[in-house]
């Protein structure tokens, strides 16, 4: 069974995590990152999604959104597909998403990595 697991720790002991129901149950979902938008009281779960039948050879970045406290993530949205030549060299894999809101520029920045295996 694949998916993105979820653990919770109290603020009094951030080193003791307790198992909770998975955030997302779907085979081939890896490397999650949560972005919290305080203004809308939502979180967006960004993750790398491997593509079948090319499991572990092709992937893209996907996202799902939930309201803080309810934690029911909506339908997936493809955020970024490998389209540039250097993203598709060797294998078409992009992942490890990190999202940052730049207040000075008033824009969201997405950082990611891609792999090349020959």
Foldseek 3Di string as FASTA:
>chain_A
DDAAWDWDDDPVDPVDTDGDHGLTDDPQWDQWDWDADPVQQKIKIKTWGADPPCRPQAIFIKIWMDHPPVSNTDDIDGDGFQDDPVCPAQGNGKTNWDWDQDPVVRDIDIDIDHDHDD
